Amino acid sequence: MLVSHDAEIVHEDAPLKFLELIQLLRKVRHEDLEMNWNQIKKMPTQRQEYRTPNGRLAKNSVSFAHSWILPSESCRDNSECRLKLDSVQMEKQ
């Protein structure tokens, strides 16, 4: 699914930056994510950043941030080494 949303020319450290972003989103406070979402949810161009792998827009920033996981399989085979969408329940602390 990610391939269909890929660009032909990508900066060489883009995959690393993407994983860093996902790690950052997993650690950010719920309130900060909601504040960010409320600021951009009415701006269609910025909302493109909250697309899931299948192209759908996330309902909110928390569901987007917590929906990306790495597959449990090894990345030795490039066909298996892709991020996938998996629903998770977030509990407020």
PDB file of N, CA and C in Angstrom:
ATOM      1  N   MET A   1       0.806  -1.188   0.000  1.00  0.00           N
ATOM      2  CA  MET A   1       0.000   0.000   0.000  1.00  0.00           C
ATOM      3  C   MET A   1       0.854   1.258   0.000  1.00  0.00           C
ATOM      4  N   LEU A   2       1.966   1.240   0.718  1.00  0.00           N
ATOM      5  CA  LEU A   2       2.810   2.426   0.774  1.00  0.00           C
ATOM      6  C   LEU A   2       3.390   2.767  -0.583  1.00  0.00           C
ATOM      7  N   VAL A   3       3.639   1.754  -1.399  1.00  0.00           N
ATOM      8  CA  VAL A   3       4.234   1.990  -2.711  1.00  0.00           C
ATOM      9  C   VAL A   3       3.334   2.873  -3.557  1.00  0.00           C
ATOM     10  N   SER A   4       2.027   2.713  -3.455  1.00  0.00           N
ATOM     11  CA  SER A   4       1.115   3.518  -4.268  1.00  0.00           C
ATOM     12  C   SER A   4       1.152   4.994  -3.882  1.00  0.00           C
ATOM     13  N   HIS A   5       1.643   5.301  -2.699  1.00  0.00           N
ATOM     14  CA  HIS A   5       1.728   6.690  -2.254  1.00  0.00           C
ATOM     15  C   HIS A   5       3.170   7.181  -2.235  1.00  0.00           C
ATOM     16  N   ASP A   6       4.034   6.465  -2.895  1.00  0.00           N
ATOM     17  CA  ASP A   6       5.460   6.771  -2.885  1.00  0.00           C
ATOM     18  C   ASP A   6       5.799   7.762  -3.992  1.00  0.00           C
ATOM     19  N   ALA A   7       6.877   8.488  -3.807  1.00  0.00           N
ATOM     20  CA  ALA A   7       7.376   9.407  -4.824  1.00  0.00           C
ATOM     21  C   ALA A   7       8.534   8.739  -5.554  1.00  0.00           C
ATOM     22  N   GLU A   8       8.770   9.157  -6.793  1.00  0.00           N
ATOM     23  CA  GLU A   8       9.857   8.557  -7.556  1.00  0.00           C
ATOM     24  C   GLU A   8      11.205   8.894  -6.955  1.00  0.00           C
ATOM     25  N   ILE A   9      11.398  10.145  -6.583  1.00  0.00           N
ATOM     26  CA  ILE A   9      12.672  10.569  -6.021  1.00  0.00           C
ATOM     27  C   ILE A   9      12.454  10.897  -4.549  1.00  0.00           C
ATOM     28  N   VAL A  10      13.137  10.167  -3.690  1.00  0.00           N
ATOM     29  CA  VAL A  10      13.001  10.348  -2.252  1.00  0.00           C
ATOM     30  C   VAL A  10      14.385  10.595  -1.676  1.00  0.00           C
ATOM     31  N   HIS A  11      14.459  11.507  -0.724  1.00  0.00           N
ATOM     32  CA  HIS A  11      15.737  11.761  -0.063  1.00  0.00           C
ATOM     33  C   HIS A  11      16.213  10.471   0.593  1.00  0.00           C
ATOM     34  N   GLU A  12      17.506  10.238   0.593  1.00  0.00           N
ATOM     35  CA  GLU A  12      18.050   8.956   1.046  1.00  0.00           C
ATOM     36  C   GLU A  12      17.753   8.635   2.508  1.00  0.00           C
ATOM     37  N   ASP A  13      17.554   9.640   3.358  1.00  0.00           N
ATOM     38  CA  ASP A  13      17.261   9.339   4.758  1.00  0.00           C
ATOM     39  C   ASP A  13      15.763   9.421   5.082  1.00  0.00           C
ATOM     40  N   ALA A  14      14.907   9.443   4.068  1.00  0.00           N
ATOM     41  CA  ALA A  14      13.460   9.529   4.293  1.00  0.00           C
ATOM     42  C   ALA A  14      12.921   8.363   5.127  1.00  0.00           C
ATOM     43  N   PRO A  15      13.311   7.106   4.865  1.00  0.00           N
ATOM     44  CA  PRO A  15      12.785   6.016   5.709  1.00  0.00           C
ATOM     45  C   PRO A  15      13.157   6.175   7.182  1.00  0.00           C
ATOM     46  N   LEU A  16      14.373   6.601   7.452  1.00  0.00           N
ATOM     47  CA  LEU A  16      14.802   6.807   8.833  1.00  0.00           C
ATOM     48  C   LEU A  16      14.012   7.944   9.475  1.00  0.00           C
ATOM     49  N   LYS A  17      13.814   9.035   8.747  1.00  0.00           N
ATOM     50  CA  LYS A  17      13.052  10.174   9.271  1.00  0.00           C
ATOM     51  C   LYS A  17      11.610   9.765   9.559  1.00  0.00           C
ATOM     52  N   PHE A  18      11.038   8.913   8.696  1.00  0.00           N
ATOM     53  CA  PHE A  18       9.670   8.441   8.903  1.00  0.00           C
ATOM     54  C   PHE A  18       9.583   7.634  10.198  1.00  0.00           C
ATOM     55  N   LEU A  19      10.517   6.717  10.404  1.00  0.00           N
ATOM     56  CA  LEU A  19      10.502   5.917  11.626  1.00  0.00           C
ATOM     57  C   LEU A  19      10.723   6.787  12.863  1.00  0.00           C
ATOM     58  N   GLU A  20      11.574   7.796  12.753  1.00  0.00           N
ATOM     59  CA  GLU A  20      11.775   8.724  13.871  1.00  0.00           C
ATOM     60  C   GLU A  20      10.483   9.470  14.190  1.00  0.00           C
ATOM     61  N   LEU A  21       9.756   9.868  13.152  1.00  0.00           N
ATOM     62  CA  LEU A  21       8.478  10.552  13.358  1.00  0.00           C
ATOM     63  C   LEU A  21       7.488   9.644  14.073  1.00  0.00           C
ATOM     64  N   ILE A  22       7.396   8.396  13.645  1.00  0.00           N
ATOM     65  CA  ILE A  22       6.469   7.457  14.280  1.00  0.00           C
ATOM     66  C   ILE A  22       6.846   7.254  15.746  1.00  0.00           C
ATOM     67  N   GLN A  23       8.127   7.112  16.039  1.00  0.00           N
ATOM     68  CA  GLN A  23       8.561   6.961  17.431  1.00  0.00           C
ATOM     69  C   GLN A  23       8.208   8.202  18.249  1.00  0.00           C
ATOM     70  N   LEU A  24       8.401   9.371  17.671  1.00  0.00           N
ATOM     71  CA  LEU A  24       8.060  10.617  18.356  1.00  0.00           C
ATOM     72  C   LEU A  24       6.562  10.696  18.625  1.00  0.00           C
ATOM     73  N   LEU A  25       5.745  10.336  17.642  1.00  0.00           N
ATOM     74  CA  LEU A  25       4.296  10.392  17.813  1.00  0.00           C
ATOM     75  C   LEU A  25       3.819   9.428  18.890  1.00  0.00           C
ATOM     76  N   ARG A  26       4.505   8.323  19.059  1.00  0.00           N
ATOM     77  CA  ARG A  26       4.116   7.364  20.097  1.00  0.00           C
ATOM     78  C   ARG A  26       4.428   7.887  21.500  1.00  0.00           C
ATOM     79  N   LYS A  27       5.356   8.825  21.624  1.00  0.00           N
ATOM     80  CA  LYS A  27       5.756   9.329  22.942  1.00  0.00           C
ATOM     81  C   LYS A  27       5.096  10.654  23.310  1.00  0.00           C
ATOM     82  N   VAL A  28       4.519  11.346  22.337  1.00  0.00           N
ATOM     83  CA  VAL A  28       3.943  12.661  22.603  1.00  0.00           C
ATOM     84  C   VAL A  28       2.675  12.523  23.457  1.00  0.00           C
ATOM     85  N   ARG A  29       2.391  13.550  24.223  1.00  0.00           N
ATOM     86  CA  ARG A  29       1.208  13.533  25.089  1.00  0.00           C
ATOM     87  C   ARG A  29      -0.074  13.611  24.258  1.00  0.00           C
ATOM     88  N   HIS A  30      -1.104  12.959  24.750  1.00  0.00           N
ATOM     89  CA  HIS A  30      -2.414  12.948  24.099  1.00  0.00           C
ATOM     90  C   HIS A  30      -2.931  14.367  23.885  1.00  0.00           C
ATOM     91  N   GLU A  31      -2.765  15.231  24.870  1.00  0.00           N
ATOM     92  CA  GLU A  31      -3.261  16.608  24.777  1.00  0.00           C
ATOM     93  C   GLU A  31      -2.566  17.379  23.656  1.00  0.00           C
ATOM     94  N   ASP A  32      -1.269  17.140  23.487  1.00  0.00           N
ATOM     95  CA  ASP A  32      -0.526  17.826  22.428  1.00  0.00           C
ATOM     96  C   ASP A  32      -0.978  17.372  21.044  1.00  0.00           C
ATOM     97  N   LEU A  33      -1.247  16.074  20.908  1.00  0.00           N
ATOM     98  CA  LEU A  33      -1.751  15.571  19.627  1.00  0.00           C
ATOM     99  C   LEU A  33      -3.114  16.172  19.306  1.00  0.00           C
ATOM    100  N   GLU A  34      -3.984  16.219  20.305  1.00  0.00           N
ATOM    101  CA  GLU A  34      -5.316  16.778  20.086  1.00  0.00           C
ATOM    102  C   GLU A  34      -5.244  18.259  19.739  1.00  0.00           C
ATOM    103  N   MET A  35      -4.356  19.007  20.392  1.00  0.00           N
ATOM    104  CA  MET A  35      -4.207  20.426  20.092  1.00  0.00           C
ATOM    105  C   MET A  35      -3.753  20.607  18.640  1.00  0.00           C
ATOM    106  N   ASN A  36      -2.790  19.801  18.215  1.00  0.00           N
ATOM    107  CA  ASN A  36      -2.312  19.866  16.838  1.00  0.00           C
ATOM    108  C   ASN A  36      -3.430  19.513  15.860  1.00  0.00           C
ATOM    109  N   TRP A  37      -4.178  18.462  16.160  1.00  0.00           N
ATOM    110  CA  TRP A  37      -5.263  18.039  15.278  1.00  0.00           C
ATOM    111  C   TRP A  37      -6.314  19.137  15.157  1.00  0.00           C
ATOM    112  N   ASN A  38      -6.691  19.757  16.265  1.00  0.00           N
ATOM    113  CA  ASN A  38      -7.705  20.812  16.235  1.00  0.00           C
ATOM    114  C   ASN A  38      -7.259  22.016  15.417  1.00  0.00           C
ATOM    115  N   GLN A  39      -5.958  22.273  15.376  1.00  0.00           N
ATOM    116  CA  GLN A  39      -5.445  23.393  14.593  1.00  0.00           C
ATOM    117  C   GLN A  39      -5.517  23.121  13.092  1.00  0.00           C
ATOM    118  N   ILE A  40      -5.320  21.879  12.681  1.00  0.00           N
ATOM    119  CA  ILE A  40      -5.215  21.610  11.238  1.00  0.00           C
ATOM    120  C   ILE A  40      -6.388  20.850  10.638  1.00  0.00           C
ATOM    121  N   LYS A  41      -7.351  20.405  11.441  1.00  0.00           N
ATOM    122  CA  LYS A  41      -8.395  19.542  10.895  1.00  0.00           C
ATOM    123  C   LYS A  41      -9.273  20.230   9.849  1.00  0.00           C
ATOM    124  N   LYS A  42      -9.281  21.548   9.825  1.00  0.00           N
ATOM    125  CA  LYS A  42     -10.089  22.256   8.828  1.00  0.00           C
ATOM    126  C   LYS A  42      -9.256  22.715   7.636  1.00  0.00           C
ATOM    127  N   MET A  43      -7.991  22.344   7.593  1.00  0.00           N
ATOM    128  CA  MET A  43      -7.102  22.713   6.491  1.00  0.00           C
ATOM    129  C   MET A  43      -6.798  21.467   5.657  1.00  0.00           C
ATOM    130  N   PRO A  44      -7.460  21.288   4.513  1.00  0.00           N
ATOM    131  CA  PRO A  44      -7.308  20.050   3.734  1.00  0.00           C
ATOM    132  C   PRO A  44      -5.872  19.739   3.323  1.00  0.00           C
ATOM    133  N   THR A  45      -5.071  20.749   3.011  1.00  0.00           N
ATOM    134  CA  THR A  45      -3.708  20.451   2.570  1.00  0.00           C
ATOM    135  C   THR A  45      -2.880  19.873   3.706  1.00  0.00           C
ATOM    136  N   GLN A  46      -3.056  20.357   4.920  1.00  0.00           N
ATOM    137  CA  GLN A  46      -2.322  19.805   6.046  1.00  0.00           C
ATOM    138  C   GLN A  46      -2.865  18.442   6.456  1.00  0.00           C
ATOM    139  N   ARG A  47      -4.157  18.219   6.266  1.00  0.00           N
ATOM    140  CA  ARG A  47      -4.750  16.938   6.659  1.00  0.00           C
ATOM    141  C   ARG A  47      -4.210  15.787   5.827  1.00  0.00           C
ATOM    142  N   GLN A  48      -3.639  16.064   4.663  1.00  0.00           N
ATOM    143  CA  GLN A  48      -3.063  14.996   3.852  1.00  0.00           C
ATOM    144  C   GLN A  48      -1.983  14.246   4.627  1.00  0.00           C
ATOM    145  N   GLU A  49      -1.348  14.920   5.576  1.00  0.00           N
ATOM    146  CA  GLU A  49      -0.296  14.289   6.364  1.00  0.00           C
ATOM    147  C   GLU A  49      -0.848  13.207   7.286  1.00  0.00           C
ATOM    148  N   TYR A  50      -2.148  13.169   7.495  1.00  0.00           N
ATOM    149  CA  TYR A  50      -2.762  12.188   8.379  1.00  0.00           C
ATOM    150  C   TYR A  50      -3.436  11.063   7.601  1.00  0.00           C
ATOM    151  N   ARG A  51      -2.886  10.713   6.456  1.00  0.00           N
ATOM    152  CA  ARG A  51      -3.421   9.598   5.677  1.00  0.00           C
ATOM    153  C   ARG A  51      -2.844   8.279   6.179  1.00  0.00           C
ATOM    154  N   THR A  52      -3.694   7.280   6.231  1.00  0.00           N
ATOM    155  CA  THR A  52      -3.257   5.938   6.613  1.00  0.00           C
ATOM    156  C   THR A  52      -2.722   5.225   5.371  1.00  0.00           C
ATOM    157  N   PRO A  53      -2.100   4.050   5.521  1.00  0.00           N
ATOM    158  CA  PRO A  53      -1.512   3.378   4.356  1.00  0.00           C
ATOM    159  C   PRO A  53      -2.501   3.088   3.231  1.00  0.00           C
ATOM    160  N   ASN A  54      -3.765   2.883   3.559  1.00  0.00           N
ATOM    161  CA  ASN A  54      -4.737   2.596   2.504  1.00  0.00           C
ATOM    162  C   ASN A  54      -5.353   3.861   1.914  1.00  0.00           C
ATOM    163  N   GLY A  55      -4.844   5.034   2.311  1.00  0.00           N
ATOM    164  CA  GLY A  55      -5.294   6.281   1.708  1.00  0.00           C
ATOM    165  C   GLY A  55      -6.390   7.009   2.455  1.00  0.00           C
ATOM    166  N   ARG A  56      -6.960   6.381   3.477  1.00  0.00           N
ATOM    167  CA  ARG A  56      -8.013   7.044   4.250  1.00  0.00           C
ATOM    168  C   ARG A  56      -7.420   8.116   5.152  1.00  0.00           C
ATOM    169  N   LEU A  57      -8.196   9.151   5.434  1.00  0.00           N
ATOM    170  CA  LEU A  57      -7.783  10.155   6.419  1.00  0.00           C
ATOM    171  C   LEU A  57      -8.088   9.624   7.812  1.00  0.00           C
ATOM    172  N   ALA A  58      -7.153   9.791   8.720  1.00  0.00           N
ATOM    173  CA  ALA A  58      -7.385   9.383  10.101  1.00  0.00           C
ATOM    174  C   ALA A  58      -8.463  10.276  10.712  1.00  0.00           C
ATOM    175  N   LYS A  59      -9.258   9.715  11.612  1.00  0.00           N
ATOM    176  CA  LYS A  59     -10.313  10.492  12.256  1.00  0.00           C
ATOM    177  C   LYS A  59      -9.741  11.521  13.213  1.00  0.00           C
ATOM    178  N   ASN A  60      -8.601  11.215  13.804  1.00  0.00           N
ATOM    179  CA  ASN A  60      -7.933  12.162  14.694  1.00  0.00           C
ATOM    180  C   ASN A  60      -6.454  11.825  14.765  1.00  0.00           C
ATOM    181  N   SER A  61      -5.694  12.716  15.349  1.00  0.00           N
ATOM    182  CA  SER A  61      -4.240  12.545  15.375  1.00  0.00           C
ATOM    183  C   SER A  61      -3.814  11.359  16.222  1.00  0.00           C
ATOM    184  N   VAL A  62      -4.562  11.052  17.261  1.00  0.00           N
ATOM    185  CA  VAL A  62      -4.198   9.934  18.124  1.00  0.00           C
ATOM    186  C   VAL A  62      -4.349   8.617  17.380  1.00  0.00           C
ATOM    187  N   SER A  63      -5.460   8.444  16.668  1.00  0.00           N
ATOM    188  CA  SER A  63      -5.634   7.193  15.925  1.00  0.00           C
ATOM    189  C   SER A  63      -4.579   7.052  14.837  1.00  0.00           C
ATOM    190  N   PHE A  64      -4.166   8.169  14.235  1.00  0.00           N
ATOM    191  CA  PHE A  64      -3.099   8.110  13.235  1.00  0.00           C
ATOM    192  C   PHE A  64      -1.779   7.698  13.876  1.00  0.00           C
ATOM    193  N   ALA A  65      -1.421   8.355  14.959  1.00  0.00           N
ATOM    194  CA  ALA A  65      -0.121   8.110  15.591  1.00  0.00           C
ATOM    195  C   ALA A  65      -0.001   6.698  16.136  1.00  0.00           C
ATOM    196  N   HIS A  66      -1.083   6.150  16.621  1.00  0.00           N
ATOM    197  CA  HIS A  66      -1.020   4.836  17.247  1.00  0.00           C
ATOM    198  C   HIS A  66      -1.448   3.705  16.326  1.00  0.00           C
ATOM    199  N   SER A  67      -1.619   3.974  15.056  1.00  0.00           N
ATOM    200  CA  SER A  67      -2.065   2.922  14.149  1.00  0.00           C
ATOM    201  C   SER A  67      -0.931   2.294  13.354  1.00  0.00           C
ATOM    202  N   TRP A  68       0.256   2.864  13.394  1.00  0.00           N
ATOM    203  CA  TRP A  68       1.382   2.330  12.627  1.00  0.00           C
ATOM    204  C   TRP A  68       2.218   1.408  13.493  1.00  0.00           C
ATOM    205  N   ILE A  69       2.456   0.202  13.005  1.00  0.00           N
ATOM    206  CA  ILE A  69       3.353  -0.715  13.696  1.00  0.00           C
ATOM    207  C   ILE A  69       4.251  -1.378  12.669  1.00  0.00           C
ATOM    208  N   LEU A  70       5.363  -1.873  13.129  1.00  0.00           N
ATOM    209  CA  LEU A  70       6.223  -2.654  12.251  1.00  0.00           C
ATOM    210  C   LEU A  70       5.713  -4.084  12.232  1.00  0.00           C
ATOM    211  N   PRO A  71       5.816  -4.768  11.104  1.00  0.00           N
ATOM    212  CA  PRO A  71       5.379  -6.161  11.064  1.00  0.00           C
ATOM    213  C   PRO A  71       6.287  -7.019  11.941  1.00  0.00           C
ATOM    214  N   SER A  72       5.744  -8.131  12.399  1.00  0.00           N
ATOM    215  CA  SER A  72       6.542  -9.001  13.259  1.00  0.00           C
ATOM    216  C   SER A  72       7.569  -9.798  12.466  1.00  0.00           C
ATOM    217  N   GLU A  73       7.388  -9.883  11.154  1.00  0.00           N
ATOM    218  CA  GLU A  73       8.331 -10.632  10.342  1.00  0.00           C
ATOM    219  C   GLU A  73       9.660  -9.890  10.235  1.00  0.00           C
ATOM    220  N   SER A  74      10.664 -10.622   9.862  1.00  0.00           N
ATOM    221  CA  SER A  74      11.989 -10.050   9.661  1.00  0.00           C
ATOM    222  C   SER A  74      11.995  -9.191   8.406  1.00  0.00           C
ATOM    223  N   CYS A  75      12.904  -8.225   8.355  1.00  0.00           N
ATOM    224  CA  CYS A  75      13.037  -7.376   7.174  1.00  0.00           C
ATOM    225  C   CYS A  75      14.089  -7.918   6.209  1.00  0.00           C
ATOM    226  N   ARG A  76      14.485  -9.160   6.374  1.00  0.00           N
ATOM    227  CA  ARG A  76      15.460  -9.742   5.451  1.00  0.00           C
ATOM    228  C   ARG A  76      14.885  -9.833   4.046  1.00  0.00           C
ATOM    229  N   ASP A  77      13.601 -10.117   3.968  1.00  0.00           N
ATOM    230  CA  ASP A  77      12.921 -10.181   2.679  1.00  0.00           C
ATOM    231  C   ASP A  77      12.201  -8.851   2.482  1.00  0.00           C
ATOM    232  N   ASN A  78      12.637  -8.048   1.510  1.00  0.00           N
ATOM    233  CA  ASN A  78      12.070  -6.708   1.318  1.00  0.00           C
ATOM    234  C   ASN A  78      10.577  -6.726   1.043  1.00  0.00           C
ATOM    235  N   SER A  79      10.050  -7.807   0.490  1.00  0.00           N
ATOM    236  CA  SER A  79       8.611  -7.849   0.219  1.00  0.00           C
ATOM    237  C   SER A  79       7.805  -7.909   1.516  1.00  0.00           C
ATOM    238  N   GLU A  80       8.418  -8.371   2.599  1.00  0.00           N
ATOM    239  CA  GLU A  80       7.719  -8.467   3.880  1.00  0.00           C
ATOM    240  C   GLU A  80       7.989  -7.273   4.788  1.00  0.00           C
ATOM    241  N   CYS A  81       8.962  -6.455   4.452  1.00  0.00           N
ATOM    242  CA  CYS A  81       9.380  -5.369   5.341  1.00  0.00           C
ATOM    243  C   CYS A  81       8.639  -4.083   4.993  1.00  0.00           C
ATOM    244  N   ARG A  82       7.402  -3.995   5.422  1.00  0.00           N
ATOM    245  CA  ARG A  82       6.586  -2.801   5.193  1.00  0.00           C
ATOM    246  C   ARG A  82       5.827  -2.483   6.460  1.00  0.00           C
ATOM    247  N   LEU A  83       5.551  -1.225   6.636  1.00  0.00           N
ATOM    248  CA  LEU A  83       4.699  -0.833   7.749  1.00  0.00           C
ATOM    249  C   LEU A  83       3.275  -1.203   7.409  1.00  0.00           C
ATOM    250  N   LYS A  84       2.494  -1.496   8.407  1.00  0.00           N
ATOM    251  CA  LYS A  84       1.096  -1.814   8.155  1.00  0.00           C
ATOM    252  C   LYS A  84       0.229  -1.102   9.177  1.00  0.00           C
ATOM    253  N   LEU A  85      -1.031  -0.973   8.870  1.00  0.00           N
ATOM    254  CA  LEU A  85      -1.983  -0.322   9.758  1.00  0.00           C
ATOM    255  C   LEU A  85      -2.576  -1.361  10.692  1.00  0.00           C
ATOM    256  N   ASP A  86      -2.591  -1.061  11.969  1.00  0.00           N
ATOM    257  CA  ASP A  86      -3.175  -1.957  12.949  1.00  0.00           C
ATOM    258  C   ASP A  86      -3.875  -1.098  13.991  1.00  0.00           C
ATOM    259  N   SER A  87      -5.131  -1.356  14.235  1.00  0.00           N
ATOM    260  CA  SER A  87      -5.890  -0.559  15.203  1.00  0.00           C
ATOM    261  C   SER A  87      -5.449  -0.903  16.615  1.00  0.00           C
ATOM    262  N   VAL A  88      -5.267   0.124  17.412  1.00  0.00           N
ATOM    263  CA  VAL A  88      -4.929  -0.060  18.823  1.00  0.00           C
ATOM    264  C   VAL A  88      -5.810   0.857  19.648  1.00  0.00           C
ATOM    265  N   GLN A  89      -6.075   0.453  20.865  1.00  0.00           N
ATOM    266  CA  GLN A  89      -6.883   1.258  21.775  1.00  0.00           C
ATOM    267  C   GLN A  89      -5.942   2.077  22.642  1.00  0.00           C
ATOM    268  N   MET A  90      -6.138   3.380  22.699  1.00  0.00           N
ATOM    269  CA  MET A  90      -5.302   4.222  23.544  1.00  0.00           C
ATOM    270  C   MET A  90      -6.044   4.526  24.832  1.00  0.00           C
ATOM    271  N   GLU A  91      -5.343   4.350  25.924  1.00  0.00           N
ATOM    272  CA  GLU A  91      -5.934   4.648  27.223  1.00  0.00           C
ATOM    273  C   GLU A  91      -5.322   5.929  27.759  1.00  0.00           C
ATOM    274  N   LYS A  92      -6.160   6.818  28.252  1.00  0.00           N
ATOM    275  CA  LYS A  92      -5.659   8.055  28.863  1.00  0.00           C
ATOM    276  C   LYS A  92      -5.029   7.717  30.202  1.00  0.00           C
ATOM    277  N   GLN A  93      -3.947   8.421  30.499  1.00  0.00           N
ATOM    278  CA  GLN A  93      -3.248   8.166  31.769  1.00  0.00           C
ATOM    279  C   GLN A  93      -3.740   9.101  32.837  1.00  0.00           C
TER     280      GLN A  93
END
